[in-house]
Amino acid sequence: MHLGDGIHPKDIGSIAVRWIRLIYVVLILVVIGVMFLHNAIIWRNKAVARRAMQNPMMFRMTANQRWQHLILLTSFIVLVITGFALKFPNSWIAALLGNGNGEKLRSIIHRIAGVALIGAGIYHIFYLAMAKEGRRLILDIAPRPRDAFDAWATMRYYLGLGGEKPKFGRFNYGEKAEYWALVWGTGLMAVTGVMMWAKVWVGDLLARWWVDVATAIHFYEAILATLAIVVWHFYQVFFDPDVYPMNWAWWDGKMPVEHYRHEHELDTEALAEAEANADKPEAGPPKE
């Protein structure tokens, strides 16, 4: 038996579900989009007002370093999205990048982002070797035995087990660990990524299992790096109560002198320079 309009009764449920899905997709996009826009406008104004109250300021990152960070940030995000979309082609992440020829497009974008990340890494090596600020950076961020004692003392202090809060120089043990983990992870992802990209050549040169090993390392290192960024780096930039709503150094290179003194008390050279510039109208960024 069919209905008058020619629609079979069994099709009514599927048609209804299809319309409900369409309505809710539009509803979700509109409602959540308006919520996000509303909160983003309020957050921006409050953040700018709070930022204006944080004076005097000092430069934490040069323009060169911020550009390196921006390229790293952008390429990493693109790699994460496209990488997991390639690994899970039936996921909602993959659907966002299109169906049909979407896999080919995702692969191209992923490789472009990978080349950008490798290029940024190579540039950073030359920056460390050639630029005065780069050479100073590598000296200041080099790990030292004291870092392990500082980590232990910090945990004792915040757990209320006694002792004083350690004093740090330009970089604390957490920032050093994050930097060197980034160096290691970038190198590992670059090598395994190139091996997967040139798997035919690698398969001819080495045993086939080398490509399998590279694929496994690439996937699990991507998970580790993504979770480390969310859990560790995002805390330092967004969720630490001392910098909330955000540490703006990655954006304009600046941070409050008082906060820097609290976190990096032993960096007397930078603090002395900041105090000398405190009475000036506007101190420019440090030259490379």
C-alpha atoms as a PDB file:
ATOM      1  CA  MET A   1       0.000   0.000   0.000  1.00  0.00           C
ATOM      2  CA  HIS A   2       1.292   3.468  -0.940  1.00  0.00           C
ATOM      3  CA  LEU A   3       0.240   6.917   0.176  1.00  0.00           C
ATOM      4  CA  GLY A   4      -1.484   9.241  -2.196  1.00  0.00           C
ATOM      5  CA  ASP A   5       1.684  11.214  -2.967  1.00  0.00           C
ATOM      6  CA  GLY A   6       3.512   8.057  -3.971  1.00  0.00           C
ATOM      7  CA  ILE A   7       5.696   7.835  -0.853  1.00  0.00           C
ATOM      8  CA  HIS A   8       5.965   4.397   0.652  1.00  0.00           C
ATOM      9  CA  PRO A   9       5.156   4.295   4.413  1.00  0.00           C
ATOM     10  CA  LYS A  10       8.603   2.843   5.105  1.00  0.00           C
ATOM     11  CA  ASP A  11      10.194   5.935   3.565  1.00  0.00           C
ATOM     12  CA  ILE A  12       8.390   8.367   5.887  1.00  0.00           C
ATOM     13  CA  GLY A  13      10.764   7.674   8.790  1.00  0.00           C
ATOM     14  CA  SER A  14      13.890   8.147   6.737  1.00  0.00           C
ATOM     15  CA  ILE A  15      12.537  11.367   5.208  1.00  0.00           C
ATOM     16  CA  ALA A  16      11.607  12.685   8.661  1.00  0.00           C
ATOM     17  CA  VAL A  17      15.041  11.816  10.043  1.00  0.00           C
ATOM     18  CA  ARG A  18      16.701  13.515   7.090  1.00  0.00           C
ATOM     19  CA  TRP A  19      14.734  16.736   7.672  1.00  0.00           C
ATOM     20  CA  ILE A  20      15.356  16.605  11.423  1.00  0.00           C
ATOM     21  CA  ARG A  21      19.071  16.187  10.780  1.00  0.00           C
ATOM     22  CA  LEU A  22      19.091  19.151   8.397  1.00  0.00           C
ATOM     23  CA  ILE A  23      17.105  21.360  10.774  1.00  0.00           C
ATOM     24  CA  TYR A  24      19.324  20.530  13.731  1.00  0.00           C
ATOM     25  CA  VAL A  25      22.548  21.004  11.798  1.00  0.00           C
ATOM     26  CA  VAL A  26      21.405  24.495  10.795  1.00  0.00           C
ATOM     27  CA  LEU A  27      20.093  25.168  14.313  1.00  0.00           C
ATOM     28  CA  ILE A  28      23.353  24.046  15.934  1.00  0.00           C
ATOM     29  CA  LEU A  29      25.473  26.130  13.575  1.00  0.00           C
ATOM     30  CA  VAL A  30      23.347  29.249  14.127  1.00  0.00           C
ATOM     31  CA  VAL A  31      22.826  28.937  17.896  1.00  0.00           C
ATOM     32  CA  ILE A  32      26.386  27.905  18.777  1.00  0.00           C
ATOM     33  CA  GLY A  33      27.773  30.390  16.262  1.00  0.00           C
ATOM     34  CA  VAL A  34      25.839  33.244  17.893  1.00  0.00           C
ATOM     35  CA  MET A  35      26.936  32.064  21.357  1.00  0.00           C
ATOM     36  CA  PHE A  36      30.564  31.942  20.252  1.00  0.00           C
ATOM     37  CA  LEU A  37      30.390  35.380  18.606  1.00  0.00           C
ATOM     38  CA  HIS A  38      28.697  36.865  21.691  1.00  0.00           C
ATOM     39  CA  ASN A  39      31.326  35.511  24.078  1.00  0.00           C
ATOM     40  CA  ALA A  40      34.216  36.297  21.731  1.00  0.00           C
ATOM     41  CA  ILE A  41      33.200  39.979  21.539  1.00  0.00           C
ATOM     42  CA  ILE A  42      32.925  40.254  25.333  1.00  0.00           C
ATOM     43  CA  TRP A  43      36.149  38.291  25.910  1.00  0.00           C
ATOM     44  CA  ARG A  44      38.090  40.469  23.476  1.00  0.00           C
ATOM     45  CA  ASN A  45      36.992  43.720  25.099  1.00  0.00           C
ATOM     46  CA  LYS A  46      37.662  42.467  28.632  1.00  0.00           C
ATOM     47  CA  ALA A  47      41.017  41.045  27.594  1.00  0.00           C
ATOM     48  CA  VAL A  48      42.078  44.309  25.928  1.00  0.00           C
ATOM     49  CA  ALA A  49      40.978  46.309  28.983  1.00  0.00           C
ATOM     50  CA  ARG A  50      42.878  43.992  31.315  1.00  0.00           C
ATOM     51  CA  ARG A  51      45.900  44.160  29.034  1.00  0.00           C
ATOM     52  CA  ALA A  52      45.876  47.971  29.141  1.00  0.00           C
ATOM     53  CA  MET A  53      46.066  47.857  32.948  1.00  0.00           C
ATOM     54  CA  GLN A  54      49.227  45.721  32.946  1.00  0.00           C
ATOM     55  CA  ASN A  55      51.996  48.311  32.944  1.00  0.00           C
ATOM     56  CA  PRO A  56      54.904  48.660  32.645  1.00  0.00           C
ATOM     57  CA  MET A  57      55.580  46.097  29.935  1.00  0.00           C
ATOM     58  CA  MET A  58      58.713  44.417  28.624  1.00  0.00           C
ATOM     59  CA  PHE A  59      59.515  42.372  25.519  1.00  0.00           C
ATOM     60  CA  ARG A  60      59.635  38.619  25.971  1.00  0.00           C
ATOM     61  CA  MET A  61      59.739  37.618  22.291  1.00  0.00           C
ATOM     62  CA  THR A  62      61.227  39.446  19.312  1.00  0.00           C
ATOM     63  CA  ALA A  63      59.323  39.885  16.043  1.00  0.00           C
ATOM     64  CA  ASN A  64      61.478  37.199  14.424  1.00  0.00           C
ATOM     65  CA  GLN A  65      60.664  34.719  17.184  1.00  0.00           C
ATOM     66  CA  ARG A  66      56.951  35.510  16.988  1.00  0.00           C
ATOM     67  CA  TRP A  67      56.910  34.852  13.240  1.00  0.00           C
ATOM     68  CA  GLN A  68      58.662  31.541  13.778  1.00  0.00           C
ATOM     69  CA  HIS A  69      56.109  30.660  16.442  1.00  0.00           C
ATOM     70  CA  LEU A  70      53.203  31.669  14.192  1.00  0.00           C
ATOM     71  CA  ILE A  71      54.411  29.468  11.319  1.00  0.00           C
ATOM     72  CA  LEU A  72      54.976  26.610  13.743  1.00  0.00           C
ATOM     73  CA  LEU A  73      51.540  27.110  15.309  1.00  0.00           C
ATOM     74  CA  THR A  74      49.705  27.297  11.971  1.00  0.00           C
ATOM     75  CA  SER A  75      51.465  24.356  10.349  1.00  0.00           C
ATOM     76  CA  PHE A  76      51.029  22.215  13.482  1.00  0.00           C
ATOM     77  CA  ILE A  77      47.279  22.831  13.652  1.00  0.00           C
ATOM     78  CA  VAL A  78      46.861  22.057   9.942  1.00  0.00           C
ATOM     79  CA  LEU A  79      48.951  18.906  10.317  1.00  0.00           C
ATOM     80  CA  VAL A  80      46.877  17.690  13.264  1.00  0.00           C
ATOM     81  CA  ILE A  81      43.536  18.250  11.516  1.00  0.00           C
ATOM     82  CA  THR A  82      44.536  16.819   8.148  1.00  0.00           C
ATOM     83  CA  GLY A  83      46.599  14.021   9.680  1.00  0.00           C
ATOM     84  CA  PHE A  84      43.792  12.644  11.814  1.00  0.00           C
ATOM     85  CA  ALA A  85      41.380  13.149   8.913  1.00  0.00           C
ATOM     86  CA  LEU A  86      43.637  10.957   6.758  1.00  0.00           C
ATOM     87  CA  LYS A  87      43.926   8.340   9.499  1.00  0.00           C
ATOM     88  CA  PHE A  88      40.173   8.299  10.137  1.00  0.00           C
ATOM     89  CA  PRO A  89      38.524   9.072   6.757  1.00  0.00           C
ATOM     90  CA  ASN A  90      35.013   8.366   8.073  1.00  0.00           C
ATOM     91  CA  SER A  91      35.280  10.754  11.017  1.00  0.00           C
ATOM     92  CA  TRP A  92      33.596  14.136  11.336  1.00  0.00           C
ATOM     93  CA  ILE A  93      37.014  15.784  11.051  1.00  0.00           C
ATOM     94  CA  ALA A  94      37.437  14.257   7.595  1.00  0.00           C
ATOM     95  CA  ALA A  95      33.903  15.306   6.647  1.00  0.00           C
ATOM     96  CA  LEU A  96      34.788  18.935   7.376  1.00  0.00           C
ATOM     97  CA  LEU A  97      37.433  18.801   4.647  1.00  0.00           C
ATOM     98  CA  GLY A  98      35.041  17.445   2.041  1.00  0.00           C
ATOM     99  CA  ASN A  99      33.981  14.114   0.592  1.00  0.00           C
ATOM    100  CA  GLY A 100      34.678  12.567  -2.776  1.00  0.00           C
ATOM    101  CA  ASN A 101      38.184  13.783  -3.626  1.00  0.00           C
ATOM    102  CA  GLY A 102      38.612  14.996  -0.058  1.00  0.00           C
ATOM    103  CA  GLU A 103      41.331  12.454   0.741  1.00  0.00           C
ATOM    104  CA  LYS A 104      43.540  13.702  -2.078  1.00  0.00           C
ATOM    105  CA  LEU A 105      43.003  17.303  -0.969  1.00  0.00           C
ATOM    106  CA  ARG A 106      43.730  16.431   2.662  1.00  0.00           C
ATOM    107  CA  SER A 107      46.914  14.671   1.602  1.00  0.00           C
ATOM    108  CA  ILE A 108      48.119  17.682  -0.391  1.00  0.00           C
ATOM    109  CA  ILE A 109      47.355  20.128   2.427  1.00  0.00           C
ATOM    110  CA  HIS A 110      49.032  17.822   4.955  1.00  0.00           C
ATOM    111  CA  ARG A 111      52.217  17.660   2.908  1.00  0.00           C
ATOM    112  CA  ILE A 112      52.290  21.410   2.342  1.00  0.00           C
ATOM    113  CA  ALA A 113      51.962  21.971   6.095  1.00  0.00           C
ATOM    114  CA  GLY A 114      54.667  19.369   6.680  1.00  0.00           C
ATOM    115  CA  VAL A 115      57.050  21.165   4.327  1.00  0.00           C
ATOM    116  CA  ALA A 116      56.266  24.448   6.115  1.00  0.00           C
ATOM    117  CA  LEU A 117      57.043  22.869   9.485  1.00  0.00           C
ATOM    118  CA  ILE A 118      60.315  21.369   8.239  1.00  0.00           C
ATOM    119  CA  GLY A 119      61.239  24.683   6.634  1.00  0.00           C
ATOM    120  CA  ALA A 120      60.578  26.506   9.903  1.00  0.00           C
ATOM    121  CA  GLY A 121      62.756  23.982  11.715  1.00  0.00           C
ATOM    122  CA  ILE A 122      65.642  24.438   9.274  1.00  0.00           C
ATOM    123  CA  TYR A 123      65.321  28.212   9.512  1.00  0.00           C
ATOM    124  CA  HIS A 124      65.378  27.963  13.312  1.00  0.00           C
ATOM    125  CA  ILE A 125      68.678  26.060  13.195  1.00  0.00           C
ATOM    126  CA  PHE A 126      70.254  28.847  11.131  1.00  0.00           C
ATOM    127  CA  TYR A 127      68.667  31.427  13.443  1.00  0.00           C
ATOM    128  CA  LEU A 128      70.307  29.803  16.464  1.00  0.00           C
ATOM    129  CA  ALA A 129      73.674  29.749  14.726  1.00  0.00           C
ATOM    130  CA  MET A 130      73.675  33.117  12.937  1.00  0.00           C
ATOM    131  CA  ALA A 131      71.560  35.586  14.920  1.00  0.00           C
ATOM    132  CA  LYS A 132      72.878  37.162  18.129  1.00  0.00           C
ATOM    133  CA  GLU A 133      69.511  36.660  19.826  1.00  0.00           C
ATOM    134  CA  GLY A 134      69.458  33.065  18.571  1.00  0.00           C
ATOM    135  CA  ARG A 135      72.835  32.291  20.108  1.00  0.00           C
ATOM    136  CA  ARG A 136      71.718  33.841  23.363  1.00  0.00           C
ATOM    137  CA  LEU A 137      68.493  31.797  23.221  1.00  0.00           C
ATOM    138  CA  ILE A 138      70.287  28.470  22.878  1.00  0.00           C
ATOM    139  CA  LEU A 139      72.572  29.310  25.795  1.00  0.00           C
ATOM    140  CA  ASP A 140      69.687  30.367  28.051  1.00  0.00           C
ATOM    141  CA  ILE A 141      67.443  27.422  27.204  1.00  0.00           C
ATOM    142  CA  ALA A 142      70.114  24.716  27.430  1.00  0.00           C
ATOM    143  CA  PRO A 143      69.184  22.141  30.114  1.00  0.00           C
ATOM    144  CA  ARG A 144      71.225  22.117  33.298  1.00  0.00           C
ATOM    145  CA  PRO A 145      71.379  19.755  36.309  1.00  0.00           C
ATOM    146  CA  ARG A 146      69.727  22.428  38.447  1.00  0.00           C
ATOM    147  CA  ASP A 147      66.516  22.106  36.402  1.00  0.00           C
ATOM    148  CA  ALA A 148      65.778  18.707  37.944  1.00  0.00           C
ATOM    149  CA  PHE A 149      66.186  20.121  41.458  1.00  0.00           C
ATOM    150  CA  ASP A 150      63.992  23.112  40.525  1.00  0.00           C
ATOM    151  CA  ALA A 151      61.226  20.778  39.320  1.00  0.00           C
ATOM    152  CA  TRP A 152      61.346  18.821  42.575  1.00  0.00           C
ATOM    153  CA  ALA A 153      61.418  21.988  44.705  1.00  0.00           C
ATOM    154  CA  THR A 154      58.491  23.476  42.759  1.00  0.00           C
ATOM    155  CA  MET A 155      56.320  20.417  43.385  1.00  0.00           C
ATOM    156  CA  ARG A 156      57.233  20.405  47.086  1.00  0.00           C
ATOM    157  CA  TYR A 157      56.357  24.101  47.328  1.00  0.00           C
ATOM    158  CA  TYR A 158      52.951  23.859  45.616  1.00  0.00           C
ATOM    159  CA  LEU A 159      52.037  20.653  47.423  1.00  0.00           C
ATOM    160  CA  GLY A 160      52.668  22.415  50.726  1.00  0.00           C
ATOM    161  CA  LEU A 161      55.501  20.081  51.724  1.00  0.00           C
ATOM    162  CA  GLY A 162      57.849  22.888  52.686  1.00  0.00           C
ATOM    163  CA  GLY A 163      60.673  24.788  51.094  1.00  0.00           C
ATOM    164  CA  GLU A 164      60.702  27.994  49.083  1.00  0.00           C
ATOM    165  CA  LYS A 165      59.527  28.581  45.560  1.00  0.00           C
ATOM    166  CA  PRO A 166      62.578  28.259  43.266  1.00  0.00           C
ATOM    167  CA  LYS A 167      63.866  31.310  41.410  1.00  0.00           C
ATOM    168  CA  PHE A 168      64.355  31.040  37.669  1.00  0.00           C
ATOM    169  CA  GLY A 169      66.375  32.771  35.000  1.00  0.00           C
ATOM    170  CA  ARG A 170      65.115  33.560  31.514  1.00  0.00           C
ATOM    171  CA  PHE A 171      63.578  30.081  31.145  1.00  0.00           C
ATOM    172  CA  ASN A 172      62.310  27.736  33.837  1.00  0.00           C
ATOM    173  CA  TYR A 173      62.576  23.948  33.731  1.00  0.00           C
ATOM    174  CA  GLY A 174      59.096  23.584  32.188  1.00  0.00           C
ATOM    175  CA  GLU A 175      59.856  25.950  29.302  1.00  0.00           C
ATOM    176  CA  LYS A 176      63.161  24.199  28.654  1.00  0.00           C
ATOM    177  CA  ALA A 177      61.530  20.772  28.659  1.00  0.00           C
ATOM    178  CA  GLU A 178      58.839  21.967  26.256  1.00  0.00           C
ATOM    179  CA  TYR A 179      61.379  23.494  23.861  1.00  0.00           C
ATOM    180  CA  TRP A 180      63.562  20.395  23.656  1.00  0.00           C
ATOM    181  CA  ALA A 181      60.527  18.116  23.383  1.00  0.00           C
ATOM    182  CA  LEU A 182      59.453  20.273  20.437  1.00  0.00           C
ATOM    183  CA  VAL A 183      62.883  19.912  18.823  1.00  0.00           C
ATOM    184  CA  TRP A 184      62.814  16.138  19.272  1.00  0.00           C
ATOM    185  CA  GLY A 185      59.204  15.780  18.132  1.00  0.00           C
ATOM    186  CA  THR A 186      59.646  17.975  15.067  1.00  0.00           C
ATOM    187  CA  GLY A 187      62.709  16.035  13.948  1.00  0.00           C
ATOM    188  CA  LEU A 188      61.014  12.688  14.517  1.00  0.00           C
ATOM    189  CA  MET A 189      57.824  13.711  12.702  1.00  0.00           C
ATOM    190  CA  ALA A 190      59.841  15.144   9.814  1.00  0.00           C
ATOM    191  CA  VAL A 191      61.911  11.984   9.314  1.00  0.00           C
ATOM    192  CA  THR A 192      58.984   9.558   9.584  1.00  0.00           C
ATOM    193  CA  GLY A 193      56.765  11.830   7.488  1.00  0.00           C
ATOM    194  CA  VAL A 194      59.287  11.942   4.647  1.00  0.00           C
ATOM    195  CA  MET A 195      59.684   8.146   4.877  1.00  0.00           C
ATOM    196  CA  MET A 196      55.908   7.723   4.479  1.00  0.00           C
ATOM    197  CA  TRP A 197      55.806  10.262   1.635  1.00  0.00           C
ATOM    198  CA  ALA A 198      58.625   8.442  -0.216  1.00  0.00           C
ATOM    199  CA  LYS A 199      57.594   4.943   0.866  1.00  0.00           C
ATOM    200  CA  VAL A 200      58.317   3.430  -2.550  1.00  0.00           C
ATOM    201  CA  TRP A 201      61.874   4.733  -2.520  1.00  0.00           C
ATOM    202  CA  VAL A 202      62.330   3.780   1.138  1.00  0.00           C
ATOM    203  CA  GLY A 203      60.872   0.336   0.447  1.00  0.00           C
ATOM    204  CA  ASP A 204      63.408  -0.184  -2.337  1.00  0.00           C
ATOM    205  CA  LEU A 205      66.269   1.041  -0.180  1.00  0.00           C
ATOM    206  CA  LEU A 206      65.332  -0.610   3.136  1.00  0.00           C
ATOM    207  CA  ALA A 207      63.216  -3.489   4.331  1.00  0.00           C
ATOM    208  CA  ARG A 208      59.436  -2.992   4.036  1.00  0.00           C
ATOM    209  CA  TRP A 209      58.989  -3.020   7.788  1.00  0.00           C
ATOM    210  CA  TRP A 210      60.856   0.299   8.058  1.00  0.00           C
ATOM    211  CA  VAL A 211      57.857   2.051   6.479  1.00  0.00           C
ATOM    212  CA  ASP A 212      55.513   0.279   8.902  1.00  0.00           C
ATOM    213  CA  VAL A 213      57.656   1.382  11.844  1.00  0.00           C
ATOM    214  CA  ALA A 214      57.773   4.960  10.532  1.00  0.00           C
ATOM    215  CA  THR A 215      53.975   4.990  10.118  1.00  0.00           C
ATOM    216  CA  ALA A 216      53.416   3.767  13.678  1.00  0.00           C
ATOM    217  CA  ILE A 217      55.886   6.262  15.159  1.00  0.00           C
ATOM    218  CA  HIS A 218      54.383   9.105  13.117  1.00  0.00           C
ATOM    219  CA  PHE A 219      50.859   8.340  14.334  1.00  0.00           C
ATOM    220  CA  TYR A 220      51.625   7.898  18.025  1.00  0.00           C
ATOM    221  CA  GLU A 221      54.056  10.810  18.128  1.00  0.00           C
ATOM    222  CA  ALA A 222      51.267  12.963  16.642  1.00  0.00           C
ATOM    223  CA  ILE A 223      48.925  11.912  19.460  1.00  0.00           C
ATOM    224  CA  LEU A 224      51.622  12.584  22.064  1.00  0.00           C
ATOM    225  CA  ALA A 225      52.453  16.002  20.609  1.00  0.00           C
ATOM    226  CA  THR A 226      48.799  17.039  20.334  1.00  0.00           C
ATOM    227  CA  LEU A 227      47.989  16.054  23.911  1.00  0.00           C
ATOM    228  CA  ALA A 228      51.181  17.701  25.186  1.00  0.00           C
ATOM    229  CA  ILE A 229      50.203  20.973  23.499  1.00  0.00           C
ATOM    230  CA  VAL A 230      46.677  20.853  24.928  1.00  0.00           C
ATOM    231  CA  VAL A 231      47.624  19.765  28.447  1.00  0.00           C
ATOM    232  CA  TRP A 232      50.989  21.493  28.927  1.00  0.00           C
ATOM    233  CA  HIS A 233      51.383  24.431  26.523  1.00  0.00           C
ATOM    234  CA  PHE A 234      47.774  25.619  26.636  1.00  0.00           C
ATOM    235  CA  TYR A 235      48.002  25.751  30.425  1.00  0.00           C
ATOM    236  CA  GLN A 236      51.045  28.031  30.200  1.00  0.00           C
ATOM    237  CA  VAL A 237      49.381  30.287  27.622  1.00  0.00           C
ATOM    238  CA  PHE A 238      45.704  30.311  28.655  1.00  0.00           C
ATOM    239  CA  PHE A 239      44.836  28.578  31.912  1.00  0.00           C
ATOM    240  CA  ASP A 240      47.584  29.614  34.312  1.00  0.00           C
ATOM    241  CA  PRO A 241      45.798  32.043  36.701  1.00  0.00           C
ATOM    242  CA  ASP A 242      48.842  34.334  36.554  1.00  0.00           C
ATOM    243  CA  VAL A 243      48.397  34.954  32.799  1.00  0.00           C
ATOM    244  CA  TYR A 244      44.618  34.509  32.385  1.00  0.00           C
ATOM    245  CA  PRO A 245      42.928  35.199  30.006  1.00  0.00           C
ATOM    246  CA  MET A 246      46.070  34.748  27.916  1.00  0.00           C
ATOM    247  CA  ASN A 247      49.811  35.214  27.796  1.00  0.00           C
ATOM    248  CA  TRP A 248      50.070  37.773  24.999  1.00  0.00           C
ATOM    249  CA  ALA A 249      53.804  37.365  24.417  1.00  0.00           C
ATOM    250  CA  TRP A 250      53.201  35.149  21.363  1.00  0.00           C
ATOM    251  CA  TRP A 251      51.105  37.938  19.806  1.00  0.00           C
ATOM    252  CA  ASP A 252      52.913  41.211  20.530  1.00  0.00           C
ATOM    253  CA  GLY A 253      56.000  39.951  22.342  1.00  0.00           C
ATOM    254  CA  LYS A 254      55.157  41.793  25.566  1.00  0.00           C
ATOM    255  CA  MET A 255      54.519  40.734  29.127  1.00  0.00           C
ATOM    256  CA  PRO A 256      54.132  42.718  32.376  1.00  0.00           C
ATOM    257  CA  VAL A 257      57.418  43.497  34.100  1.00  0.00           C
ATOM    258  CA  GLU A 258      55.955  42.525  37.472  1.00  0.00           C
ATOM    259  CA  HIS A 259      54.905  39.121  36.181  1.00  0.00           C
ATOM    260  CA  TYR A 260      58.315  38.574  34.600  1.00  0.00           C
ATOM    261  CA  ARG A 261      60.014  39.501  37.865  1.00  0.00           C
ATOM    262  CA  HIS A 262      57.806  37.019  39.706  1.00  0.00           C
ATOM    263  CA  GLU A 263      58.510  34.174  37.262  1.00  0.00           C
ATOM    264  CA  HIS A 264      62.104  34.940  36.155  1.00  0.00           C
ATOM    265  CA  GLU A 265      63.660  36.742  39.067  1.00  0.00           C
ATOM    266  CA  LEU A 266      67.218  35.643  38.245  1.00  0.00           C
ATOM    267  CA  ASP A 267      67.154  37.228  34.770  1.00  0.00           C
ATOM    268  CA  THR A 268      68.593  40.438  36.188  1.00  0.00           C
ATOM    269  CA  GLU A 269      69.818  41.694  32.801  1.00  0.00           C
ATOM    270  CA  ALA A 270      66.342  41.711  31.221  1.00  0.00           C
ATOM    271  CA  LEU A 271      64.760  43.199  34.358  1.00  0.00           C
ATOM    272  CA  ALA A 272      67.337  45.982  34.521  1.00  0.00           C
ATOM    273  CA  GLU A 273      66.694  46.816  30.861  1.00  0.00           C
ATOM    274  CA  ALA A 274      62.935  46.815  31.456  1.00  0.00           C
ATOM    275  CA  GLU A 275      63.268  49.143  34.443  1.00  0.00           C
ATOM    276  CA  ALA A 276      65.478  51.485  32.427  1.00  0.00           C
ATOM    277  CA  ASN A 277      62.804  51.649  29.702  1.00  0.00           C
ATOM    278  CA  ALA A 278      59.891  51.935  32.133  1.00  0.00           C
ATOM    279  CA  ASP A 279      59.833  55.738  32.067  1.00  0.00           C
ATOM    280  CA  LYS A 280      60.109  55.966  28.297  1.00  0.00           C
ATOM    281  CA  PRO A 281      56.895  56.545  26.235  1.00  0.00           C
ATOM    282  CA  GLU A 282      57.138  53.269  24.324  1.00  0.00           C
ATOM    283  CA  ALA A 283      60.126  50.968  24.120  1.00  0.00           C
ATOM    284  CA  GLY A 284      60.546  49.241  20.789  1.00  0.00           C
ATOM    285  CA  PRO A 285      61.192  45.536  20.430  1.00  0.00           C
ATOM    286  CA  PRO A 286      64.753  44.346  20.903  1.00  0.00           C
ATOM    287  CA  LYS A 287      66.796  44.235  17.755  1.00  0.00           C
ATOM    288  CA  GLU A 288      67.986  40.958  16.341  1.00  0.00           C
END
